[in-house]
């Protein structure tokens, strides 16, 4: 799966968590919670959605790695390679 495909899916999952967000204008290097104004429970729901979609567990210690769109896509790409 390419990074572009991963990003498309991640954006869809984020849209489910924050349907009012303008995902087309997300800055890929800025914290998602800040940009989307989501709380910790919404972020946890996002992590659960990633696990369900990609079958990739994201431990709490890795939350900082998936805090941005770019970081999330990179994290998933690395986990899905093997």
PDB file of N, CA and C in Angstrom:
ATOM      1  N   UNK A   1       0.846  -1.174   0.000  1.00  0.00           N
ATOM      2  CA  UNK A   1       0.000   0.000   0.000  1.00  0.00           C
ATOM      3  C   UNK A   1       0.897   1.244   0.000  1.00  0.00           C
ATOM      4  N   UNK A   2       0.593   2.185  -0.865  1.00  0.00           N
ATOM      5  CA  UNK A   2       1.407   3.397  -0.952  1.00  0.00           C
ATOM      6  C   UNK A   2       1.058   4.364   0.193  1.00  0.00           C
ATOM      7  N   UNK A   3       1.941   5.317   0.412  1.00  0.00           N
ATOM      8  CA  UNK A   3       1.677   6.324   1.443  1.00  0.00           C
ATOM      9  C   UNK A   3       0.455   7.165   1.079  1.00  0.00           C
ATOM     10  N   UNK A   4       0.233   7.384  -0.202  1.00  0.00           N
ATOM     11  CA  UNK A   4      -0.934   8.151  -0.634  1.00  0.00           C
ATOM     12  C   UNK A   4      -2.221   7.394  -0.298  1.00  0.00           C
ATOM     13  N   UNK A   5      -2.198   6.081  -0.532  1.00  0.00           N
ATOM     14  CA  UNK A   5      -3.363   5.263  -0.201  1.00  0.00           C
ATOM     15  C   UNK A   5      -3.597   5.237   1.308  1.00  0.00           C
ATOM     16  N   UNK A   6      -2.515   5.112   2.062  1.00  0.00           N
ATOM     17  CA  UNK A   6      -2.620   5.144   3.522  1.00  0.00           C
ATOM     18  C   UNK A   6      -3.211   6.468   3.982  1.00  0.00           C
ATOM     19  N   UNK A   7      -2.721   7.563   3.405  1.00  0.00           N
ATOM     20  CA  UNK A   7      -3.210   8.884   3.799  1.00  0.00           C
ATOM     21  C   UNK A   7      -4.695   9.029   3.509  1.00  0.00           C
ATOM     22  N   UNK A   8      -5.141   8.537   2.375  1.00  0.00           N
ATOM     23  CA  UNK A   8      -6.559   8.608   2.027  1.00  0.00           C
ATOM     24  C   UNK A   8      -7.407   7.883   3.069  1.00  0.00           C
ATOM     25  N   UNK A   9      -6.962   6.712   3.484  1.00  0.00           N
ATOM     26  CA  UNK A   9      -7.708   5.941   4.477  1.00  0.00           C
ATOM     27  C   UNK A   9      -7.668   6.630   5.839  1.00  0.00           C
ATOM     28  N   UNK A  10      -6.502   7.141   6.222  1.00  0.00           N
ATOM     29  CA  UNK A  10      -6.378   7.856   7.499  1.00  0.00           C
ATOM     30  C   UNK A  10      -7.308   9.065   7.513  1.00  0.00           C
ATOM     31  N   UNK A  11      -7.366   9.798   6.422  1.00  0.00           N
ATOM     32  CA  UNK A  11      -8.258  10.962   6.339  1.00  0.00           C
ATOM     33  C   UNK A  11      -9.724  10.542   6.452  1.00  0.00           C
ATOM     34  N   UNK A  12     -10.074   9.419   5.859  1.00  0.00           N
ATOM     35  CA  UNK A  12     -11.448   8.914   5.972  1.00  0.00           C
ATOM     36  C   UNK A  12     -11.766   8.590   7.433  1.00  0.00           C
ATOM     37  N   UNK A  13     -10.836   7.934   8.103  1.00  0.00           N
ATOM     38  CA  UNK A  13     -11.042   7.594   9.517  1.00  0.00           C
ATOM     39  C   UNK A  13     -11.147   8.852  10.371  1.00  0.00           C
ATOM     40  N   UNK A  14     -10.325   9.842  10.081  1.00  0.00           N
ATOM     41  CA  UNK A  14     -10.403  11.111  10.809  1.00  0.00           C
ATOM     42  C   UNK A  14     -11.736  11.803  10.548  1.00  0.00           C
ATOM     43  N   UNK A  15     -12.228  11.689   9.336  1.00  0.00           N
ATOM     44  CA  UNK A  15     -13.521  12.271   8.993  1.00  0.00           C
ATOM     45  C   UNK A  15     -14.658  11.642   9.781  1.00  0.00           C
ATOM     46  N   UNK A  16     -14.517  10.363  10.099  1.00  0.00           N
ATOM     47  CA  UNK A  16     -15.522   9.694  10.926  1.00  0.00           C
ATOM     48  C   UNK A  16     -15.476  10.200  12.365  1.00  0.00           C
ATOM     49  N   UNK A  17     -14.289  10.558  12.828  1.00  0.00           N
ATOM     50  CA  UNK A  17     -14.101  11.043  14.199  1.00  0.00           C
ATOM     51  C   UNK A  17     -14.501  12.520  14.306  1.00  0.00           C
ATOM     52  N   UNK A  18     -14.144  13.294  13.293  1.00  0.00           N
ATOM     53  CA  UNK A  18     -14.419  14.738  13.300  1.00  0.00           C
ATOM     54  C   UNK A  18     -15.093  15.123  11.981  1.00  0.00           C
ATOM     55  N   UNK A  19     -16.373  14.786  11.831  1.00  0.00           N
ATOM     56  CA  UNK A  19     -17.049  15.009  10.541  1.00  0.00           C
ATOM     57  C   UNK A  19     -17.137  16.471  10.115  1.00  0.00           C
ATOM     58  N   UNK A  20     -17.046  17.402  11.068  1.00  0.00           N
ATOM     59  CA  UNK A  20     -17.143  18.820  10.725  1.00  0.00           C
ATOM     60  C   UNK A  20     -15.805  19.409  10.278  1.00  0.00           C
ATOM     61  N   UNK A  21     -14.731  18.634  10.375  1.00  0.00           N
ATOM     62  CA  UNK A  21     -13.389  19.135  10.063  1.00  0.00           C
ATOM     63  C   UNK A  21     -13.177  19.285   8.557  1.00  0.00           C
ATOM     64  N   UNK A  22     -12.378  20.273   8.208  1.00  0.00           N
ATOM     65  CA  UNK A  22     -11.994  20.491   6.812  1.00  0.00           C
ATOM     66  C   UNK A  22     -10.689  19.740   6.572  1.00  0.00           C
ATOM     67  N   UNK A  23     -10.800  18.477   6.231  1.00  0.00           N
ATOM     68  CA  UNK A  23      -9.631  17.617   6.105  1.00  0.00           C
ATOM     69  C   UNK A  23      -8.757  17.973   4.905  1.00  0.00           C
ATOM     70  N   UNK A  24      -9.314  18.645   3.930  1.00  0.00           N
ATOM     71  CA  UNK A  24      -8.549  19.021   2.746  1.00  0.00           C
ATOM     72  C   UNK A  24      -7.457  20.037   3.068  1.00  0.00           C
ATOM     73  N   UNK A  25      -7.615  20.738   4.181  1.00  0.00           N
ATOM     74  CA  UNK A  25      -6.650  21.778   4.527  1.00  0.00           C
ATOM     75  C   UNK A  25      -5.808  21.435   5.754  1.00  0.00           C
ATOM     76  N   UNK A  26      -5.726  20.147   6.077  1.00  0.00           N
ATOM     77  CA  UNK A  26      -4.886  19.730   7.196  1.00  0.00           C
ATOM     78  C   UNK A  26      -3.423  19.954   6.862  1.00  0.00           C
ATOM     79  N   UNK A  27      -2.690  20.479   7.814  1.00  0.00           N
ATOM     80  CA  UNK A  27      -1.240  20.582   7.678  1.00  0.00           C
ATOM     81  C   UNK A  27      -0.681  19.240   8.124  1.00  0.00           C
ATOM     82  N   UNK A  28       0.043  18.529   7.261  1.00  0.00           N
ATOM     83  CA  UNK A  28       0.492  17.179   7.598  1.00  0.00           C
ATOM     84  C   UNK A  28       1.512  17.111   8.733  1.00  0.00           C
ATOM     85  N   UNK A  29       2.085  18.251   9.115  1.00  0.00           N
ATOM     86  CA  UNK A  29       3.106  18.233  10.163  1.00  0.00           C
ATOM     87  C   UNK A  29       2.644  18.846  11.481  1.00  0.00           C
ATOM     88  N   UNK A  30       1.380  19.227  11.554  1.00  0.00           N
ATOM     89  CA  UNK A  30       0.841  19.842  12.772  1.00  0.00           C
ATOM     90  C   UNK A  30      -0.034  18.819  13.501  1.00  0.00           C
ATOM     91  N   UNK A  31       0.006  18.866  14.808  1.00  0.00           N
ATOM     92  CA  UNK A  31      -0.734  17.939  15.657  1.00  0.00           C
ATOM     93  C   UNK A  31      -2.207  17.865  15.244  1.00  0.00           C
ATOM     94  N   UNK A  32      -2.677  16.632  15.042  1.00  0.00           N
ATOM     95  CA  UNK A  32      -4.064  16.404  14.606  1.00  0.00           C
ATOM     96  C   UNK A  32      -5.076  16.889  15.636  1.00  0.00           C
ATOM     97  N   UNK A  33      -4.799  16.637  16.904  1.00  0.00           N
ATOM     98  CA  UNK A  33      -5.745  17.038  17.954  1.00  0.00           C
ATOM     99  C   UNK A  33      -5.932  18.554  17.952  1.00  0.00           C
ATOM    100  N   UNK A  34      -4.844  19.281  17.734  1.00  0.00           N
ATOM    101  CA  UNK A  34      -4.938  20.744  17.697  1.00  0.00           C
ATOM    102  C   UNK A  34      -5.703  21.222  16.468  1.00  0.00           C
ATOM    103  N   UNK A  35      -5.422  20.627  15.331  1.00  0.00           N
ATOM    104  CA  UNK A  35      -6.064  21.064  14.093  1.00  0.00           C
ATOM    105  C   UNK A  35      -7.547  20.715  14.045  1.00  0.00           C
ATOM    106  N   UNK A  36      -7.880  19.537  14.565  1.00  0.00           N
ATOM    107  CA  UNK A  36      -9.258  19.058  14.474  1.00  0.00           C
ATOM    108  C   UNK A  36     -10.069  19.367  15.714  1.00  0.00           C
ATOM    109  N   UNK A  37      -9.413  19.909  16.726  1.00  0.00           N
ATOM    110  CA  UNK A  37     -10.060  20.232  18.004  1.00  0.00           C
ATOM    111  C   UNK A  37     -10.780  19.000  18.563  1.00  0.00           C
ATOM    112  N   UNK A  38     -10.031  17.881  18.624  1.00  0.00           N
ATOM    113  CA  UNK A  38     -10.589  16.653  19.184  1.00  0.00           C
ATOM    114  C   UNK A  38      -9.970  16.404  20.554  1.00  0.00           C
ATOM    115  N   UNK A  39     -10.725  15.757  21.407  1.00  0.00           N
ATOM    116  CA  UNK A  39     -10.231  15.487  22.754  1.00  0.00           C
ATOM    117  C   UNK A  39      -9.533  14.124  22.794  1.00  0.00           C
ATOM    118  N   UNK A  40      -9.074  13.758  23.976  1.00  0.00           N
ATOM    119  CA  UNK A  40      -8.319  12.518  24.113  1.00  0.00           C
ATOM    120  C   UNK A  40      -9.177  11.289  23.801  1.00  0.00           C
ATOM    121  N   UNK A  41     -10.456  11.331  24.097  1.00  0.00           N
ATOM    122  CA  UNK A  41     -11.331  10.210  23.794  1.00  0.00           C
ATOM    123  C   UNK A  41     -11.513  10.061  22.282  1.00  0.00           C
ATOM    124  N   UNK A  42     -11.652  11.165  21.575  1.00  0.00           N
ATOM    125  CA  UNK A  42     -11.735  11.110  20.118  1.00  0.00           C
ATOM    126  C   UNK A  42     -10.439  10.542  19.527  1.00  0.00           C
ATOM    127  N   UNK A  43      -9.307  10.968  20.089  1.00  0.00           N
ATOM    128  CA  UNK A  43      -8.028  10.462  19.598  1.00  0.00           C
ATOM    129  C   UNK A  43      -7.929   8.955  19.849  1.00  0.00           C
ATOM    130  N   UNK A  44      -8.379   8.507  21.004  1.00  0.00           N
ATOM    131  CA  UNK A  44      -8.384   7.080  21.303  1.00  0.00           C
ATOM    132  C   UNK A  44      -9.288   6.326  20.320  1.00  0.00           C
ATOM    133  N   UNK A  45     -10.422   6.898  19.993  1.00  0.00           N
ATOM    134  CA  UNK A  45     -11.304   6.292  18.986  1.00  0.00           C
ATOM    135  C   UNK A  45     -10.617   6.205  17.620  1.00  0.00           C
ATOM    136  N   UNK A  46      -9.809   7.203  17.315  1.00  0.00           N
ATOM    137  CA  UNK A  46      -9.026   7.191  16.078  1.00  0.00           C
ATOM    138  C   UNK A  46      -8.011   6.048  16.106  1.00  0.00           C
ATOM    139  N   UNK A  47      -7.337   5.876  17.239  1.00  0.00           N
ATOM    140  CA  UNK A  47      -6.368   4.793  17.381  1.00  0.00           C
ATOM    141  C   UNK A  47      -7.057   3.438  17.210  1.00  0.00           C
ATOM    142  N   UNK A  48      -8.221   3.284  17.797  1.00  0.00           N
ATOM    143  CA  UNK A  48      -8.984   2.045  17.660  1.00  0.00           C
ATOM    144  C   UNK A  48      -9.383   1.818  16.202  1.00  0.00           C
ATOM    145  N   UNK A  49      -9.779   2.886  15.526  1.00  0.00           N
ATOM    146  CA  UNK A  49     -10.149   2.782  14.112  1.00  0.00           C
ATOM    147  C   UNK A  49      -8.952   2.354  13.263  1.00  0.00           C
ATOM    148  N   UNK A  50      -7.766   2.872  13.586  1.00  0.00           N
ATOM    149  CA  UNK A  50      -6.556   2.460  12.863  1.00  0.00           C
ATOM    150  C   UNK A  50      -6.314   0.969  13.049  1.00  0.00           C
ATOM    151  N   UNK A  51      -6.470   0.511  14.280  1.00  0.00           N
ATOM    152  CA  UNK A  51      -6.266  -0.911  14.580  1.00  0.00           C
ATOM    153  C   UNK A  51      -7.247  -1.776  13.792  1.00  0.00           C
ATOM    154  N   UNK A  52      -8.510  -1.372  13.766  1.00  0.00           N
ATOM    155  CA  UNK A  52      -9.527  -2.145  13.045  1.00  0.00           C
ATOM    156  C   UNK A  52      -9.280  -2.134  11.541  1.00  0.00           C
ATOM    157  N   UNK A  53      -8.904  -0.995  11.009  1.00  0.00           N
ATOM    158  CA  UNK A  53      -8.719  -0.850   9.558  1.00  0.00           C
ATOM    159  C   UNK A  53      -7.462  -1.563   9.058  1.00  0.00           C
ATOM    160  N   UNK A  54      -6.357  -1.374   9.797  1.00  0.00           N
ATOM    161  CA  UNK A  54      -5.058  -1.866   9.321  1.00  0.00           C
ATOM    162  C   UNK A  54      -4.542  -3.090  10.078  1.00  0.00           C
ATOM    163  N   UNK A  55      -5.230  -3.468  11.149  1.00  0.00           N
ATOM    164  CA  UNK A  55      -4.767  -4.570  11.999  1.00  0.00           C
ATOM    165  C   UNK A  55      -3.359  -4.291  12.518  1.00  0.00           C
ATOM    166  N   UNK A  56      -3.152  -3.042  12.906  1.00  0.00           N
ATOM    167  CA  UNK A  56      -1.885  -2.591  13.469  1.00  0.00           C
ATOM    168  C   UNK A  56      -2.185  -1.992  14.839  1.00  0.00           C
ATOM    169  N   UNK A  57      -1.679  -2.644  15.869  1.00  0.00           N
ATOM    170  CA  UNK A  57      -1.866  -2.117  17.214  1.00  0.00           C
ATOM    171  C   UNK A  57      -0.934  -0.923  17.414  1.00  0.00           C
ATOM    172  N   UNK A  58      -1.466   0.123  18.004  1.00  0.00           N
ATOM    173  CA  UNK A  58      -0.672   1.316  18.292  1.00  0.00           C
ATOM    174  C   UNK A  58      -0.599   1.455  19.813  1.00  0.00           C
ATOM    175  N   UNK A  59       0.541   1.092  20.394  1.00  0.00           N
ATOM    176  CA  UNK A  59       0.657   1.221  21.846  1.00  0.00           C
ATOM    177  C   UNK A  59       0.673   2.685  22.268  1.00  0.00           C
ATOM    178  N   UNK A  60       0.292   2.922  23.496  1.00  0.00           N
ATOM    179  CA  UNK A  60       0.247   4.295  24.001  1.00  0.00           C
ATOM    180  C   UNK A  60       1.595   4.993  23.861  1.00  0.00           C
ATOM    181  N   UNK A  61       2.670   4.250  23.954  1.00  0.00           N
ATOM    182  CA  UNK A  61       4.009   4.841  23.818  1.00  0.00           C
ATOM    183  C   UNK A  61       4.276   5.365  22.410  1.00  0.00           C
ATOM    184  N   UNK A  62       3.464   4.959  21.439  1.00  0.00           N
ATOM    185  CA  UNK A  62       3.643   5.404  20.053  1.00  0.00           C
ATOM    186  C   UNK A  62       2.674   6.511  19.656  1.00  0.00           C
ATOM    187  N   UNK A  63       1.828   6.951  20.580  1.00  0.00           N
ATOM    188  CA  UNK A  63       0.847   7.987  20.234  1.00  0.00           C
ATOM    189  C   UNK A  63       1.509   9.246  19.693  1.00  0.00           C
ATOM    190  N   UNK A  64       2.668   9.604  20.219  1.00  0.00           N
ATOM    191  CA  UNK A  64       3.337  10.814  19.731  1.00  0.00           C
ATOM    192  C   UNK A  64       3.767  10.654  18.275  1.00  0.00           C
ATOM    193  N   UNK A  65       4.005   9.421  17.852  1.00  0.00           N
ATOM    194  CA  UNK A  65       4.420   9.175  16.469  1.00  0.00           C
ATOM    195  C   UNK A  65       3.265   9.316  15.490  1.00  0.00           C
ATOM    196  N   UNK A  66       2.043   9.134  15.964  1.00  0.00           N
ATOM    197  CA  UNK A  66       0.880   9.239  15.068  1.00  0.00           C
ATOM    198  C   UNK A  66       0.103  10.533  15.311  1.00  0.00           C
ATOM    199  N   UNK A  67       0.714  11.472  16.008  1.00  0.00           N
ATOM    200  CA  UNK A  67       0.037  12.718  16.373  1.00  0.00           C
ATOM    201  C   UNK A  67      -0.190  13.652  15.191  1.00  0.00           C
ATOM    202  N   UNK A  68       0.583  13.477  14.124  1.00  0.00           N
ATOM    203  CA  UNK A  68       0.406  14.282  12.913  1.00  0.00           C
ATOM    204  C   UNK A  68       0.002  13.363  11.770  1.00  0.00           C
ATOM    205  N   UNK A  69      -0.558  13.917  10.737  1.00  0.00           N
ATOM    206  CA  UNK A  69      -0.940  13.115   9.573  1.00  0.00           C
ATOM    207  C   UNK A  69       0.287  12.455   8.960  1.00  0.00           C
ATOM    208  N   UNK A  70       1.333  13.213   8.790  1.00  0.00           N
ATOM    209  CA  UNK A  70       2.565  12.686   8.201  1.00  0.00           C
ATOM    210  C   UNK A  70       3.152  11.584   9.080  1.00  0.00           C
ATOM    211  N   UNK A  71       3.192  11.811  10.373  1.00  0.00           N
ATOM    212  CA  UNK A  71       3.721  10.815  11.294  1.00  0.00           C
ATOM    213  C   UNK A  71       2.889   9.550  11.306  1.00  0.00           C
ATOM    214  N   UNK A  72       1.590   9.706  11.251  1.00  0.00           N
ATOM    215  CA  UNK A  72       0.678   8.567  11.252  1.00  0.00           C
ATOM    216  C   UNK A  72       0.888   7.712  10.003  1.00  0.00           C
ATOM    217  N   UNK A  73       0.964   8.340   8.860  1.00  0.00           N
ATOM    218  CA  UNK A  73       1.163   7.613   7.605  1.00  0.00           C
ATOM    219  C   UNK A  73       2.517   6.904   7.619  1.00  0.00           C
ATOM    220  N   UNK A  74       3.544   7.573   8.091  1.00  0.00           N
ATOM    221  CA  UNK A  74       4.875   6.962   8.175  1.00  0.00           C
ATOM    222  C   UNK A  74       4.866   5.774   9.125  1.00  0.00           C
ATOM    223  N   UNK A  75       4.247   5.938  10.285  1.00  0.00           N
ATOM    224  CA  UNK A  75       4.148   4.865  11.279  1.00  0.00           C
ATOM    225  C   UNK A  75       3.454   3.642  10.678  1.00  0.00           C
ATOM    226  N   UNK A  76       2.323   3.867  10.021  1.00  0.00           N
ATOM    227  CA  UNK A  76       1.578   2.752   9.426  1.00  0.00           C
ATOM    228  C   UNK A  76       2.383   2.086   8.300  1.00  0.00           C
ATOM    229  N   UNK A  77       3.026   2.892   7.465  1.00  0.00           N
ATOM    230  CA  UNK A  77       3.812   2.338   6.356  1.00  0.00           C
ATOM    231  C   UNK A  77       4.906   1.424   6.887  1.00  0.00           C
ATOM    232  N   UNK A  78       5.563   1.837   7.959  1.00  0.00           N
ATOM    233  CA  UNK A  78       6.622   1.027   8.547  1.00  0.00           C
ATOM    234  C   UNK A  78       6.072  -0.265   9.128  1.00  0.00           C
ATOM    235  N   UNK A  79       4.930  -0.219   9.770  1.00  0.00           N
ATOM    236  CA  UNK A  79       4.339  -1.402  10.392  1.00  0.00           C
ATOM    237  C   UNK A  79       3.789  -2.375   9.350  1.00  0.00           C
ATOM    238  N   UNK A  80       3.319  -1.849   8.237  1.00  0.00           N
ATOM    239  CA  UNK A  80       2.714  -2.693   7.213  1.00  0.00           C
ATOM    240  C   UNK A  80       3.733  -3.294   6.256  1.00  0.00           C
ATOM    241  N   UNK A  81       4.967  -2.777   6.281  1.00  0.00           N
ATOM    242  CA  UNK A  81       6.015  -3.289   5.400  1.00  0.00           C
ATOM    243  C   UNK A  81       6.319  -4.761   5.663  1.00  0.00           C
ATOM    244  N   UNK A  82       6.472  -5.093   6.933  1.00  0.00           N
ATOM    245  CA  UNK A  82       6.891  -6.439   7.314  1.00  0.00           C
ATOM    246  C   UNK A  82       5.814  -7.390   7.243  1.00  0.00           C
TER     247      UNK A  82
END
